[in-house]
Amino acid sequence: MVGEIVVPATALAGRLPRPAILSVGFLPGARIVAVGDRVDVVLRVRGATRCSFFAQHAPFSRLYPVRTVACGSGRARVTMPVVKNPYEHAAKLLYRVRAQGAGGTAVRTFRITAAGTIKESPLPPLPSPPPPPTPGGVTSAIEGSSNWSGYAVTVGPYTAVSGTFNVPALAPGDPEGLASEWIGVDGLKNTSLIQAGVAEGGKTAFAWWEILPDPPTSIPIPVTAGDEVTVSISQTAGTTWHIAVTDDSTTQTFATDQPYAGPGTSAEWIVEAPSAGVDLQYPLAVFSPAVTFTNLAFTGPENALTELVMRQAGKIVATPSVPSATGFSVAYGATAPPTP
């Protein structure tokens, strides 16, 4: 009697061809997509059974899953989210497709161009809450953050945070690097976060606010390098929080009340290298001058600061100064800037 030969599944998988993404197309085929329109991504694959689609909801946002469909026929088509762009000129949106099969996984990342928009007039200012107390000494440094540099208070709960910072300029010739400055509550010890600030990419800067897990919302206040911006975030009642952003250089103010139920375990003043979800971390753009945070204030039980230093690709790329009663600065590179 001939015995049955059993081939291990791992060996069989090793003989299967790896999935391949043969082509990616768009419908309609225009190179620049109008804000408010949708794009259909058409995929041709080989050796794949499931295809997953991901997209940025807006420039600088995280990369979000859109849909996973069967693609064993060799083709898949998915309608992506409505195109958003807070800039006055065209900007890039990141898309990603992932083809999976018994032989492995293939991934392709690409970009579309979103047409520019006309900025709305800013909303009239709303009253801000009274300033809370100023933080004092320094606690331990946290080395190795891949996207944050600055200071935080970490023994909450915190119900308000505020501060002022300058908008830096980015070095020319860096198409991939991004930078952002913000003030917020939570995020250091949990996945909750309410924050507001300014982001820069290339020659563009825009103000925004964000409550995770939703993408950032642009603020209709034009900002440019050299402006001074003040952010105030406070709990007003229950789960209602007040976000106020003022460009002190132009006196334009935006304010909004939003629901937020985070635990408030930390409050931060941060220079960030933005990311698109968990699988795409942008490099920090070279910026100058140093970003100086002043008028630091918060409402909460702790009055000591925890230092955060940003590392990317094995080197320090952003370093805060020693804080003072005035505030602190964050400079690009491994050298701490002078204390303001």
C-alpha atoms as a PDB file:
ATOM      1  CA  MET A   1       0.000   0.000   0.000  1.00  0.00           C
ATOM      2  CA  VAL A   2       1.394   3.384  -0.994  1.00  0.00           C
ATOM      3  CA  GLY A   3       1.488   5.807   1.911  1.00  0.00           C
ATOM      4  CA  GLU A   4      -0.025   9.257   1.659  1.00  0.00           C
ATOM      5  CA  ILE A   5       2.446  12.088   1.295  1.00  0.00           C
ATOM      6  CA  VAL A   6       1.534  15.207   3.251  1.00  0.00           C
ATOM      7  CA  VAL A   7       3.056  18.484   2.072  1.00  0.00           C
ATOM      8  CA  PRO A   8       3.336  21.042   4.868  1.00  0.00           C
ATOM      9  CA  ALA A   9       1.303  24.158   4.292  1.00  0.00           C
ATOM     10  CA  THR A  10       4.360  26.342   4.819  1.00  0.00           C
ATOM     11  CA  ALA A  11       6.254  24.539   2.071  1.00  0.00           C
ATOM     12  CA  LEU A  12       3.283  24.789  -0.261  1.00  0.00           C
ATOM     13  CA  ALA A  13       2.948  28.506   0.416  1.00  0.00           C
ATOM     14  CA  GLY A  14       6.601  28.963  -0.426  1.00  0.00           C
ATOM     15  CA  ARG A  15       5.982  27.541  -3.913  1.00  0.00           C
ATOM     16  CA  LEU A  16       3.038  29.795  -4.653  1.00  0.00           C
ATOM     17  CA  PRO A  17       3.754  32.935  -6.664  1.00  0.00           C
ATOM     18  CA  ARG A  18       3.716  36.159  -4.712  1.00  0.00           C
ATOM     19  CA  PRO A  19       0.842  38.506  -5.528  1.00  0.00           C
ATOM     20  CA  ALA A  20       1.707  41.315  -7.920  1.00  0.00           C
ATOM     21  CA  ILE A  21       0.065  44.673  -8.574  1.00  0.00           C
ATOM     22  CA  LEU A  22       0.148  45.000 -12.342  1.00  0.00           C
ATOM     23  CA  SER A  23      -1.408  48.441 -12.724  1.00  0.00           C
ATOM     24  CA  VAL A  24      -3.288  51.172 -10.877  1.00  0.00           C
ATOM     25  CA  GLY A  25      -5.702  53.464 -12.713  1.00  0.00           C
ATOM     26  CA  PHE A  26      -8.077  56.303 -11.851  1.00  0.00           C
ATOM     27  CA  LEU A  27     -11.575  57.216 -12.974  1.00  0.00           C
ATOM     28  CA  PRO A  28     -12.065  59.918 -14.043  1.00  0.00           C
ATOM     29  CA  GLY A  29      -8.603  60.132 -15.532  1.00  0.00           C
ATOM     30  CA  ALA A  30      -7.915  63.813 -14.779  1.00  0.00           C
ATOM     31  CA  ARG A  31      -4.507  64.572 -13.288  1.00  0.00           C
ATOM     32  CA  ILE A  32      -5.989  67.126 -10.837  1.00  0.00           C
ATOM     33  CA  VAL A  33      -9.157  66.224  -8.896  1.00  0.00           C
ATOM     34  CA  ALA A  34     -11.586  68.934  -7.791  1.00  0.00           C
ATOM     35  CA  VAL A  35     -12.341  69.307  -4.083  1.00  0.00           C
ATOM     36  CA  GLY A  36     -15.605  67.506  -3.299  1.00  0.00           C
ATOM     37  CA  ASP A  37     -15.173  64.942  -6.087  1.00  0.00           C
ATOM     38  CA  ARG A  38     -14.455  61.238  -5.664  1.00  0.00           C
ATOM     39  CA  VAL A  39     -11.887  59.067  -7.407  1.00  0.00           C
ATOM     40  CA  ASP A  40     -12.406  55.427  -8.376  1.00  0.00           C
ATOM     41  CA  VAL A  41      -9.178  53.440  -8.070  1.00  0.00           C
ATOM     42  CA  VAL A  42      -9.025  50.546 -10.562  1.00  0.00           C
ATOM     43  CA  LEU A  43      -6.561  47.789  -9.735  1.00  0.00           C
ATOM     44  CA  ARG A  44      -5.155  44.950 -11.868  1.00  0.00           C
ATOM     45  CA  VAL A  45      -3.450  42.206  -9.858  1.00  0.00           C
ATOM     46  CA  ARG A  46      -2.070  38.691 -10.200  1.00  0.00           C
ATOM     47  CA  GLY A  47      -2.075  35.941  -7.567  1.00  0.00           C
ATOM     48  CA  ALA A  48      -4.197  37.904  -5.062  1.00  0.00           C
ATOM     49  CA  THR A  49      -7.543  37.065  -3.478  1.00  0.00           C
ATOM     50  CA  ARG A  50      -8.151  40.206  -1.352  1.00  0.00           C
ATOM     51  CA  CYS A  51      -7.296  43.825  -2.085  1.00  0.00           C
ATOM     52  CA  SER A  52      -7.367  46.591   0.536  1.00  0.00           C
ATOM     53  CA  PHE A  53      -7.528  50.321  -0.192  1.00  0.00           C
ATOM     54  CA  PHE A  54      -6.313  53.163   2.050  1.00  0.00           C
ATOM     55  CA  ALA A  55      -6.481  56.974   1.680  1.00  0.00           C
ATOM     56  CA  GLN A  56      -5.653  60.255   3.350  1.00  0.00           C
ATOM     57  CA  HIS A  57      -8.817  62.223   4.075  1.00  0.00           C
ATOM     58  CA  ALA A  58      -6.908  65.516   3.654  1.00  0.00           C
ATOM     59  CA  PRO A  59      -3.258  66.606   3.224  1.00  0.00           C
ATOM     60  CA  PHE A  60      -1.178  65.768   6.351  1.00  0.00           C
ATOM     61  CA  SER A  61      -3.895  63.437   7.697  1.00  0.00           C
ATOM     62  CA  ARG A  62      -3.332  59.856   8.723  1.00  0.00           C
ATOM     63  CA  LEU A  63      -3.787  57.029   6.238  1.00  0.00           C
ATOM     64  CA  TYR A  64      -7.216  55.476   6.823  1.00  0.00           C
ATOM     65  CA  PRO A  65      -8.619  52.119   5.600  1.00  0.00           C
ATOM     66  CA  VAL A  66     -11.332  52.603   2.965  1.00  0.00           C
ATOM     67  CA  ARG A  67     -12.448  49.132   1.909  1.00  0.00           C
ATOM     68  CA  THR A  68     -11.284  45.531   1.399  1.00  0.00           C
ATOM     69  CA  VAL A  69     -12.724  43.642  -1.594  1.00  0.00           C
ATOM     70  CA  ALA A  70     -12.281  40.292  -3.320  1.00  0.00           C
ATOM     71  CA  CYS A  71      -9.897  40.482  -6.284  1.00  0.00           C
ATOM     72  CA  GLY A  72      -9.393  36.831  -7.264  1.00  0.00           C
ATOM     73  CA  SER A  73     -10.601  37.741 -10.767  1.00  0.00           C
ATOM     74  CA  GLY A  74      -7.506  39.893 -11.211  1.00  0.00           C
ATOM     75  CA  ARG A  75      -9.385  43.194 -10.990  1.00  0.00           C
ATOM     76  CA  ALA A  76     -10.802  45.436  -8.254  1.00  0.00           C
ATOM     77  CA  ARG A  77     -12.445  48.866  -8.231  1.00  0.00           C
ATOM     78  CA  VAL A  78     -13.184  51.017  -5.167  1.00  0.00           C
ATOM     79  CA  THR A  79     -14.554  54.548  -4.816  1.00  0.00           C
ATOM     80  CA  MET A  80     -12.273  56.562  -2.517  1.00  0.00           C
ATOM     81  CA  PRO A  81     -13.444  59.232   0.002  1.00  0.00           C
ATOM     82  CA  VAL A  82     -14.453  62.734  -1.058  1.00  0.00           C
ATOM     83  CA  VAL A  83     -11.342  64.772  -1.928  1.00  0.00           C
ATOM     84  CA  LYS A  84     -10.550  67.511   0.625  1.00  0.00           C
ATOM     85  CA  ASN A  85      -7.881  70.199   0.458  1.00  0.00           C
ATOM     86  CA  PRO A  86      -7.669  73.215   2.817  1.00  0.00           C
ATOM     87  CA  TYR A  87      -4.971  74.919   0.713  1.00  0.00           C
ATOM     88  CA  GLU A  88      -5.529  77.742  -1.721  1.00  0.00           C
ATOM     89  CA  HIS A  89      -3.351  75.845  -4.219  1.00  0.00           C
ATOM     90  CA  ALA A  90      -3.124  72.209  -5.316  1.00  0.00           C
ATOM     91  CA  ALA A  91      -1.821  69.622  -2.805  1.00  0.00           C
ATOM     92  CA  LYS A  92      -1.000  65.914  -2.812  1.00  0.00           C
ATOM     93  CA  LEU A  93      -3.133  63.183  -1.224  1.00  0.00           C
ATOM     94  CA  LEU A  94      -1.624  59.801  -0.410  1.00  0.00           C
ATOM     95  CA  TYR A  95      -3.349  56.546  -1.430  1.00  0.00           C
ATOM     96  CA  ARG A  96      -2.231  52.955  -0.807  1.00  0.00           C
ATOM     97  CA  VAL A  97      -3.361  49.545  -2.090  1.00  0.00           C
ATOM     98  CA  ARG A  98      -2.489  46.135  -0.638  1.00  0.00           C
ATOM     99  CA  ALA A  99      -2.981  42.865  -2.548  1.00  0.00           C
ATOM    100  CA  GLN A 100      -2.998  39.669  -0.449  1.00  0.00           C
ATOM    101  CA  GLY A 101      -2.904  36.044  -1.513  1.00  0.00           C
ATOM    102  CA  ALA A 102      -1.650  32.645  -0.410  1.00  0.00           C
ATOM    103  CA  GLY A 103       1.832  33.540  -1.645  1.00  0.00           C
ATOM    104  CA  GLY A 104       2.181  36.773   0.337  1.00  0.00           C
ATOM    105  CA  THR A 105       1.389  40.462   0.031  1.00  0.00           C
ATOM    106  CA  ALA A 106       2.130  43.251  -2.446  1.00  0.00           C
ATOM    107  CA  VAL A 107       1.801  46.953  -1.578  1.00  0.00           C
ATOM    108  CA  ARG A 108       1.863  50.073  -3.723  1.00  0.00           C
ATOM    109  CA  THR A 109       1.689  53.688  -2.532  1.00  0.00           C
ATOM    110  CA  PHE A 110       0.855  56.577  -4.851  1.00  0.00           C
ATOM    111  CA  ARG A 111      -0.484  60.141  -4.835  1.00  0.00           C
ATOM    112  CA  ILE A 112      -3.206  62.161  -6.508  1.00  0.00           C
ATOM    113  CA  THR A 113      -3.376  65.949  -6.801  1.00  0.00           C
ATOM    114  CA  ALA A 114      -6.271  67.758  -5.139  1.00  0.00           C
ATOM    115  CA  ALA A 115      -7.199  71.130  -6.633  1.00  0.00           C
ATOM    116  CA  GLY A 116      -6.837  74.262  -4.510  1.00  0.00           C
ATOM    117  CA  THR A 117      -9.722  75.836  -2.602  1.00  0.00           C
ATOM    118  CA  ILE A 118     -10.849  79.306  -1.610  1.00  0.00           C
ATOM    119  CA  LYS A 119     -10.503  79.910   2.099  1.00  0.00           C
ATOM    120  CA  GLU A 120     -13.598  80.970   4.012  1.00  0.00           C
ATOM    121  CA  SER A 121     -13.739  84.087   6.154  1.00  0.00           C
ATOM    122  CA  PRO A 122     -12.787  83.374   9.772  1.00  0.00           C
ATOM    123  CA  LEU A 123     -15.505  83.016  12.347  1.00  0.00           C
ATOM    124  CA  PRO A 124     -15.945  85.817  14.888  1.00  0.00           C
ATOM    125  CA  PRO A 125     -13.935  85.304  18.078  1.00  0.00           C
ATOM    126  CA  LEU A 126     -15.466  83.654  21.122  1.00  0.00           C
ATOM    127  CA  PRO A 127     -14.419  84.442  24.690  1.00  0.00           C
ATOM    128  CA  SER A 128     -11.495  82.377  25.979  1.00  0.00           C
ATOM    129  CA  PRO A 129     -11.346  80.815  29.443  1.00  0.00           C
ATOM    130  CA  PRO A 130      -9.135  82.466  32.068  1.00  0.00           C
ATOM    131  CA  PRO A 131      -5.457  81.400  31.932  1.00  0.00           C
ATOM    132  CA  PRO A 132      -4.546  78.518  34.253  1.00  0.00           C
ATOM    133  CA  PRO A 133      -1.329  78.312  36.335  1.00  0.00           C
ATOM    134  CA  THR A 134       2.161  78.208  34.810  1.00  0.00           C
ATOM    135  CA  PRO A 135       4.263  74.984  34.977  1.00  0.00           C
ATOM    136  CA  GLY A 136       7.456  74.852  36.971  1.00  0.00           C
ATOM    137  CA  GLY A 137      10.388  72.413  37.106  1.00  0.00           C
ATOM    138  CA  VAL A 138      11.638  69.600  34.857  1.00  0.00           C
ATOM    139  CA  THR A 139      11.306  65.842  35.304  1.00  0.00           C
ATOM    140  CA  SER A 140      12.797  62.980  33.269  1.00  0.00           C
ATOM    141  CA  ALA A 141      13.643  63.177  29.554  1.00  0.00           C
ATOM    142  CA  ILE A 142      12.013  60.732  27.130  1.00  0.00           C
ATOM    143  CA  GLU A 143      14.475  59.807  24.378  1.00  0.00           C
ATOM    144  CA  GLY A 144      13.426  58.060  21.189  1.00  0.00           C
ATOM    145  CA  SER A 145      10.081  59.579  20.162  1.00  0.00           C
ATOM    146  CA  SER A 146       9.866  59.284  16.381  1.00  0.00           C
ATOM    147  CA  ASN A 147       7.575  62.268  15.931  1.00  0.00           C
ATOM    148  CA  TRP A 148       7.363  64.541  19.020  1.00  0.00           C
ATOM    149  CA  SER A 149       9.761  67.068  20.550  1.00  0.00           C
ATOM    150  CA  GLY A 150       8.930  69.556  23.281  1.00  0.00           C
ATOM    151  CA  TYR A 151       7.556  69.314  26.803  1.00  0.00           C
ATOM    152  CA  ALA A 152       4.557  67.724  28.502  1.00  0.00           C
ATOM    153  CA  VAL A 153       2.941  67.511  31.919  1.00  0.00           C
ATOM    154  CA  THR A 154       2.013  63.914  32.633  1.00  0.00           C
ATOM    155  CA  VAL A 155       0.106  63.479  35.916  1.00  0.00           C
ATOM    156  CA  GLY A 156      -3.468  64.426  35.042  1.00  0.00           C
ATOM    157  CA  PRO A 157      -6.289  64.862  34.784  1.00  0.00           C
ATOM    158  CA  TYR A 158      -5.878  68.114  32.832  1.00  0.00           C
ATOM    159  CA  THR A 159      -8.850  70.231  31.803  1.00  0.00           C
ATOM    160  CA  ALA A 160      -7.101  73.136  30.039  1.00  0.00           C
ATOM    161  CA  VAL A 161      -3.854  73.947  28.220  1.00  0.00           C
ATOM    162  CA  SER A 162      -2.651  77.016  26.336  1.00  0.00           C
ATOM    163  CA  GLY A 163       0.446  78.670  24.898  1.00  0.00           C
ATOM    164  CA  THR A 164       1.942  80.763  22.103  1.00  0.00           C
ATOM    165  CA  PHE A 165       4.464  79.737  19.422  1.00  0.00           C
ATOM    166  CA  ASN A 166       6.085  81.123  16.261  1.00  0.00           C
ATOM    167  CA  VAL A 167       5.539  79.544  12.831  1.00  0.00           C
ATOM    168  CA  PRO A 168       8.923  78.491  11.337  1.00  0.00           C
ATOM    169  CA  ALA A 169      10.006  78.375   7.698  1.00  0.00           C
ATOM    170  CA  LEU A 170      11.026  75.087   6.070  1.00  0.00           C
ATOM    171  CA  ALA A 171      14.285  74.624   4.198  1.00  0.00           C
ATOM    172  CA  PRO A 172      13.733  74.601   0.392  1.00  0.00           C
ATOM    173  CA  GLY A 173      14.195  71.432  -1.644  1.00  0.00           C
ATOM    174  CA  ASP A 174      12.598  68.968   0.798  1.00  0.00           C
ATOM    175  CA  PRO A 175       9.512  67.547  -0.991  1.00  0.00           C
ATOM    176  CA  GLU A 176       8.775  64.831   1.601  1.00  0.00           C
ATOM    177  CA  GLY A 177       9.529  66.511   4.931  1.00  0.00           C
ATOM    178  CA  LEU A 178       6.734  68.013   7.025  1.00  0.00           C
ATOM    179  CA  ALA A 179       6.529  69.845  10.333  1.00  0.00           C
ATOM    180  CA  SER A 180       3.786  70.856  12.720  1.00  0.00           C
ATOM    181  CA  GLU A 181       3.539  72.805  15.972  1.00  0.00           C
ATOM    182  CA  TRP A 182       0.638  72.228  18.335  1.00  0.00           C
ATOM    183  CA  ILE A 183      -0.738  72.336  21.849  1.00  0.00           C
ATOM    184  CA  GLY A 184      -3.056  69.649  23.199  1.00  0.00           C
ATOM    185  CA  VAL A 185      -4.359  67.303  25.877  1.00  0.00           C
ATOM    186  CA  ASP A 186      -3.714  63.506  25.949  1.00  0.00           C
ATOM    187  CA  GLY A 187      -1.803  61.434  23.385  1.00  0.00           C
ATOM    188  CA  LEU A 188       1.406  60.798  25.337  1.00  0.00           C
ATOM    189  CA  LYS A 189       0.103  57.872  27.399  1.00  0.00           C
ATOM    190  CA  ASN A 190      -3.011  56.896  25.438  1.00  0.00           C
ATOM    191  CA  THR A 191      -4.588  56.998  21.976  1.00  0.00           C
ATOM    192  CA  SER A 192      -6.926  59.906  22.778  1.00  0.00           C
ATOM    193  CA  LEU A 193      -5.907  63.442  21.780  1.00  0.00           C
ATOM    194  CA  ILE A 194      -7.471  66.897  21.380  1.00  0.00           C
ATOM    195  CA  GLN A 195      -5.049  69.372  19.780  1.00  0.00           C
ATOM    196  CA  ALA A 196      -4.707  72.464  17.603  1.00  0.00           C
ATOM    197  CA  GLY A 197      -1.809  74.139  15.835  1.00  0.00           C
ATOM    198  CA  VAL A 198      -0.131  74.858  12.499  1.00  0.00           C
ATOM    199  CA  ALA A 199       1.337  72.474   9.888  1.00  0.00           C
ATOM    200  CA  GLU A 200       3.937  73.203   7.193  1.00  0.00           C
ATOM    201  CA  GLY A 201       4.856  71.359   4.013  1.00  0.00           C
ATOM    202  CA  GLY A 202       6.908  72.874   1.190  1.00  0.00           C
ATOM    203  CA  LYS A 203       5.871  76.524   0.898  1.00  0.00           C
ATOM    204  CA  THR A 204       2.480  75.936   2.534  1.00  0.00           C
ATOM    205  CA  ALA A 205       1.313  76.485   6.111  1.00  0.00           C
ATOM    206  CA  PHE A 206      -2.188  76.119   7.528  1.00  0.00           C
ATOM    207  CA  ALA A 207      -3.875  76.135  10.923  1.00  0.00           C
ATOM    208  CA  TRP A 208      -5.871  73.103  12.068  1.00  0.00           C
ATOM    209  CA  TRP A 209      -7.560  71.367  14.981  1.00  0.00           C
ATOM    210  CA  GLU A 210      -7.978  67.622  15.535  1.00  0.00           C
ATOM    211  CA  ILE A 211      -9.665  65.139  17.869  1.00  0.00           C
ATOM    212  CA  LEU A 212      -8.467  61.573  17.357  1.00  0.00           C
ATOM    213  CA  PRO A 213      -9.366  59.278  15.674  1.00  0.00           C
ATOM    214  CA  ASP A 214     -10.825  61.798  13.190  1.00  0.00           C
ATOM    215  CA  PRO A 215      -8.527  63.530  10.678  1.00  0.00           C
ATOM    216  CA  PRO A 216      -7.484  67.157  11.196  1.00  0.00           C
ATOM    217  CA  THR A 217      -9.889  69.971  10.290  1.00  0.00           C
ATOM    218  CA  SER A 218      -8.401  73.024   8.617  1.00  0.00           C
ATOM    219  CA  ILE A 219      -8.987  76.420  10.242  1.00  0.00           C
ATOM    220  CA  PRO A 220      -9.870  79.291   7.868  1.00  0.00           C
ATOM    221  CA  ILE A 221      -7.140  81.613   9.128  1.00  0.00           C
ATOM    222  CA  PRO A 222      -4.217  82.243   6.737  1.00  0.00           C
ATOM    223  CA  VAL A 223      -0.857  81.763   8.472  1.00  0.00           C
ATOM    224  CA  THR A 224       2.667  82.343   7.200  1.00  0.00           C
ATOM    225  CA  ALA A 225       6.198  81.772   8.467  1.00  0.00           C
ATOM    226  CA  GLY A 226       7.064  84.283  11.168  1.00  0.00           C
ATOM    227  CA  ASP A 227       3.548  84.595  12.566  1.00  0.00           C
ATOM    228  CA  GLU A 228       2.900  84.201  16.293  1.00  0.00           C
ATOM    229  CA  VAL A 229      -0.006  81.840  17.067  1.00  0.00           C
ATOM    230  CA  THR A 230      -1.827  81.304  20.381  1.00  0.00           C
ATOM    231  CA  VAL A 231      -3.779  78.105  21.095  1.00  0.00           C
ATOM    232  CA  SER A 232      -6.167  77.598  24.013  1.00  0.00           C
ATOM    233  CA  ILE A 233      -8.000  74.321  24.713  1.00  0.00           C
ATOM    234  CA  SER A 234     -10.267  73.893  27.733  1.00  0.00           C
ATOM    235  CA  GLN A 235     -13.085  71.760  29.080  1.00  0.00           C
ATOM    236  CA  THR A 236     -16.143  73.987  29.509  1.00  0.00           C
ATOM    237  CA  ALA A 237     -18.815  71.514  30.702  1.00  0.00           C
ATOM    238  CA  GLY A 238     -18.992  67.724  30.805  1.00  0.00           C
ATOM    239  CA  THR A 239     -17.609  66.434  27.496  1.00  0.00           C
ATOM    240  CA  THR A 240     -17.727  69.864  25.801  1.00  0.00           C
ATOM    241  CA  TRP A 241     -14.305  71.378  25.045  1.00  0.00           C
ATOM    242  CA  HIS A 242     -13.488  74.840  23.682  1.00  0.00           C
ATOM    243  CA  ILE A 243     -10.715  75.195  21.058  1.00  0.00           C
ATOM    244  CA  ALA A 244      -9.459  78.695  20.209  1.00  0.00           C
ATOM    245  CA  VAL A 245      -6.666  79.563  17.747  1.00  0.00           C
ATOM    246  CA  THR A 246      -5.497  83.161  17.212  1.00  0.00           C
ATOM    247  CA  ASP A 247      -2.891  84.450  14.775  1.00  0.00           C
ATOM    248  CA  ASP A 248      -1.501  87.188  17.003  1.00  0.00           C
ATOM    249  CA  SER A 249       0.330  88.724  14.027  1.00  0.00           C
ATOM    250  CA  THR A 250      -2.911  89.370  12.114  1.00  0.00           C
ATOM    251  CA  THR A 251      -5.360  89.313  15.101  1.00  0.00           C
ATOM    252  CA  GLN A 252      -7.592  86.776  13.284  1.00  0.00           C
ATOM    253  CA  THR A 253      -9.270  84.285  15.614  1.00  0.00           C
ATOM    254  CA  PHE A 254     -11.099  80.980  15.205  1.00  0.00           C
ATOM    255  CA  ALA A 255     -13.017  79.135  17.921  1.00  0.00           C
ATOM    256  CA  THR A 256     -15.145  76.008  18.113  1.00  0.00           C
ATOM    257  CA  ASP A 257     -16.798  73.863  20.802  1.00  0.00           C
ATOM    258  CA  GLN A 258     -16.447  70.111  20.303  1.00  0.00           C
ATOM    259  CA  PRO A 259     -17.301  66.907  22.223  1.00  0.00           C
ATOM    260  CA  TYR A 260     -14.289  65.136  23.705  1.00  0.00           C
ATOM    261  CA  ALA A 261     -14.199  62.325  26.280  1.00  0.00           C
ATOM    262  CA  GLY A 262     -10.468  61.615  26.648  1.00  0.00           C
ATOM    263  CA  PRO A 263      -9.010  60.958  30.130  1.00  0.00           C
ATOM    264  CA  GLY A 264      -6.801  64.073  30.163  1.00  0.00           C
ATOM    265  CA  THR A 265      -3.724  62.229  31.431  1.00  0.00           C
ATOM    266  CA  SER A 266      -1.220  64.613  29.801  1.00  0.00           C
ATOM    267  CA  ALA A 267      -0.935  68.069  28.251  1.00  0.00           C
ATOM    268  CA  GLU A 268       1.685  68.988  25.639  1.00  0.00           C
ATOM    269  CA  TRP A 269       3.485  71.758  23.726  1.00  0.00           C
ATOM    270  CA  ILE A 270       4.988  69.953  20.723  1.00  0.00           C
ATOM    271  CA  VAL A 271       6.897  70.191  17.442  1.00  0.00           C
ATOM    272  CA  GLU A 272       5.820  67.115  15.446  1.00  0.00           C
ATOM    273  CA  ALA A 273       6.798  65.209  12.329  1.00  0.00           C
ATOM    274  CA  PRO A 274       3.297  64.333  11.036  1.00  0.00           C
ATOM    275  CA  SER A 275       2.359  60.747  10.204  1.00  0.00           C
ATOM    276  CA  ALA A 276      -0.238  59.041   8.025  1.00  0.00           C
ATOM    277  CA  GLY A 277      -1.528  56.308  10.336  1.00  0.00           C
ATOM    278  CA  VAL A 278       0.685  53.716  11.951  1.00  0.00           C
ATOM    279  CA  ASP A 279       2.509  52.642   8.794  1.00  0.00           C
ATOM    280  CA  LEU A 280       3.768  55.922   7.327  1.00  0.00           C
ATOM    281  CA  GLN A 281       5.913  58.337   9.318  1.00  0.00           C
ATOM    282  CA  TYR A 282       7.015  61.458   7.429  1.00  0.00           C
ATOM    283  CA  PRO A 283      10.546  62.757   8.024  1.00  0.00           C
ATOM    284  CA  LEU A 284      10.746  65.967  10.003  1.00  0.00           C
ATOM    285  CA  ALA A 285      11.442  68.854   7.635  1.00  0.00           C
ATOM    286  CA  VAL A 286      14.440  71.080   8.359  1.00  0.00           C
ATOM    287  CA  PHE A 287      12.947  74.203   9.937  1.00  0.00           C
ATOM    288  CA  SER A 288      14.224  77.559  11.169  1.00  0.00           C
ATOM    289  CA  PRO A 289      14.278  79.521  13.312  1.00  0.00           C
ATOM    290  CA  ALA A 290      13.718  77.461  16.439  1.00  0.00           C
ATOM    291  CA  VAL A 291      10.084  77.224  17.523  1.00  0.00           C
ATOM    292  CA  THR A 292       9.656  79.057  20.824  1.00  0.00           C
ATOM    293  CA  PHE A 293       6.691  78.237  23.064  1.00  0.00           C
ATOM    294  CA  THR A 294       5.759  80.953  25.573  1.00  0.00           C
ATOM    295  CA  ASN A 295       2.877  81.718  27.944  1.00  0.00           C
ATOM    296  CA  LEU A 296       2.670  78.021  28.902  1.00  0.00           C
ATOM    297  CA  ALA A 297      -0.375  77.346  31.062  1.00  0.00           C
ATOM    298  CA  PHE A 298      -2.562  74.407  32.073  1.00  0.00           C
ATOM    299  CA  THR A 299      -5.182  73.347  34.592  1.00  0.00           C
ATOM    300  CA  GLY A 300      -4.225  70.167  36.438  1.00  0.00           C
ATOM    301  CA  PRO A 301      -2.441  68.744  39.475  1.00  0.00           C
ATOM    302  CA  GLU A 302       1.198  68.685  38.245  1.00  0.00           C
ATOM    303  CA  ASN A 303       3.502  71.655  37.729  1.00  0.00           C
ATOM    304  CA  ALA A 304       6.628  69.851  36.410  1.00  0.00           C
ATOM    305  CA  LEU A 305       7.624  69.398  32.756  1.00  0.00           C
ATOM    306  CA  THR A 306       8.742  66.198  31.020  1.00  0.00           C
ATOM    307  CA  GLU A 307      11.169  66.624  28.121  1.00  0.00           C
ATOM    308  CA  LEU A 308      10.620  64.883  24.766  1.00  0.00           C
ATOM    309  CA  VAL A 309      13.398  64.530  22.159  1.00  0.00           C
ATOM    310  CA  MET A 310      12.670  63.386  18.591  1.00  0.00           C
ATOM    311  CA  ARG A 311      14.756  60.658  16.904  1.00  0.00           C
ATOM    312  CA  GLN A 312      14.404  59.517  13.300  1.00  0.00           C
ATOM    313  CA  ALA A 313      16.619  57.096  11.350  1.00  0.00           C
ATOM    314  CA  GLY A 314      18.836  56.626  14.392  1.00  0.00           C
ATOM    315  CA  LYS A 315      19.643  60.299  15.007  1.00  0.00           C
ATOM    316  CA  ILE A 316      18.197  63.177  17.005  1.00  0.00           C
ATOM    317  CA  VAL A 317      16.344  65.568  14.684  1.00  0.00           C
ATOM    318  CA  ALA A 318      14.634  67.951  17.139  1.00  0.00           C
ATOM    319  CA  THR A 319      15.766  69.034  20.609  1.00  0.00           C
ATOM    320  CA  PRO A 320      14.103  71.321  23.182  1.00  0.00           C
ATOM    321  CA  SER A 321      15.976  73.876  25.233  1.00  0.00           C
ATOM    322  CA  VAL A 322      16.052  74.001  28.990  1.00  0.00           C
ATOM    323  CA  PRO A 323      12.747  75.630  30.002  1.00  0.00           C
ATOM    324  CA  SER A 324      12.555  78.922  31.823  1.00  0.00           C
ATOM    325  CA  ALA A 325       9.824  81.043  33.365  1.00  0.00           C
ATOM    326  CA  THR A 326       9.313  82.480  29.860  1.00  0.00           C
ATOM    327  CA  GLY A 327       8.958  79.122  28.072  1.00  0.00           C
ATOM    328  CA  PHE A 328      11.231  76.971  25.911  1.00  0.00           C
ATOM    329  CA  SER A 329      12.422  76.552  22.310  1.00  0.00           C
ATOM    330  CA  VAL A 330      12.700  73.528  19.996  1.00  0.00           C
ATOM    331  CA  ALA A 331      15.452  73.509  17.328  1.00  0.00           C
ATOM    332  CA  TYR A 332      16.071  71.199  14.410  1.00  0.00           C
ATOM    333  CA  GLY A 333      18.971  68.824  15.068  1.00  0.00           C
ATOM    334  CA  ALA A 334      20.716  67.370  18.097  1.00  0.00           C
ATOM    335  CA  THR A 335      21.864  70.671  19.645  1.00  0.00           C
ATOM    336  CA  ALA A 336      19.559  72.264  22.188  1.00  0.00           C
ATOM    337  CA  PRO A 337      18.802  75.930  21.418  1.00  0.00           C
ATOM    338  CA  PRO A 338      19.352  78.713  23.964  1.00  0.00           C
ATOM    339  CA  THR A 339      16.759  79.078  26.686  1.00  0.00           C
ATOM    340  CA  PRO A 340      14.356  81.916  25.807  1.00  0.00           C
END
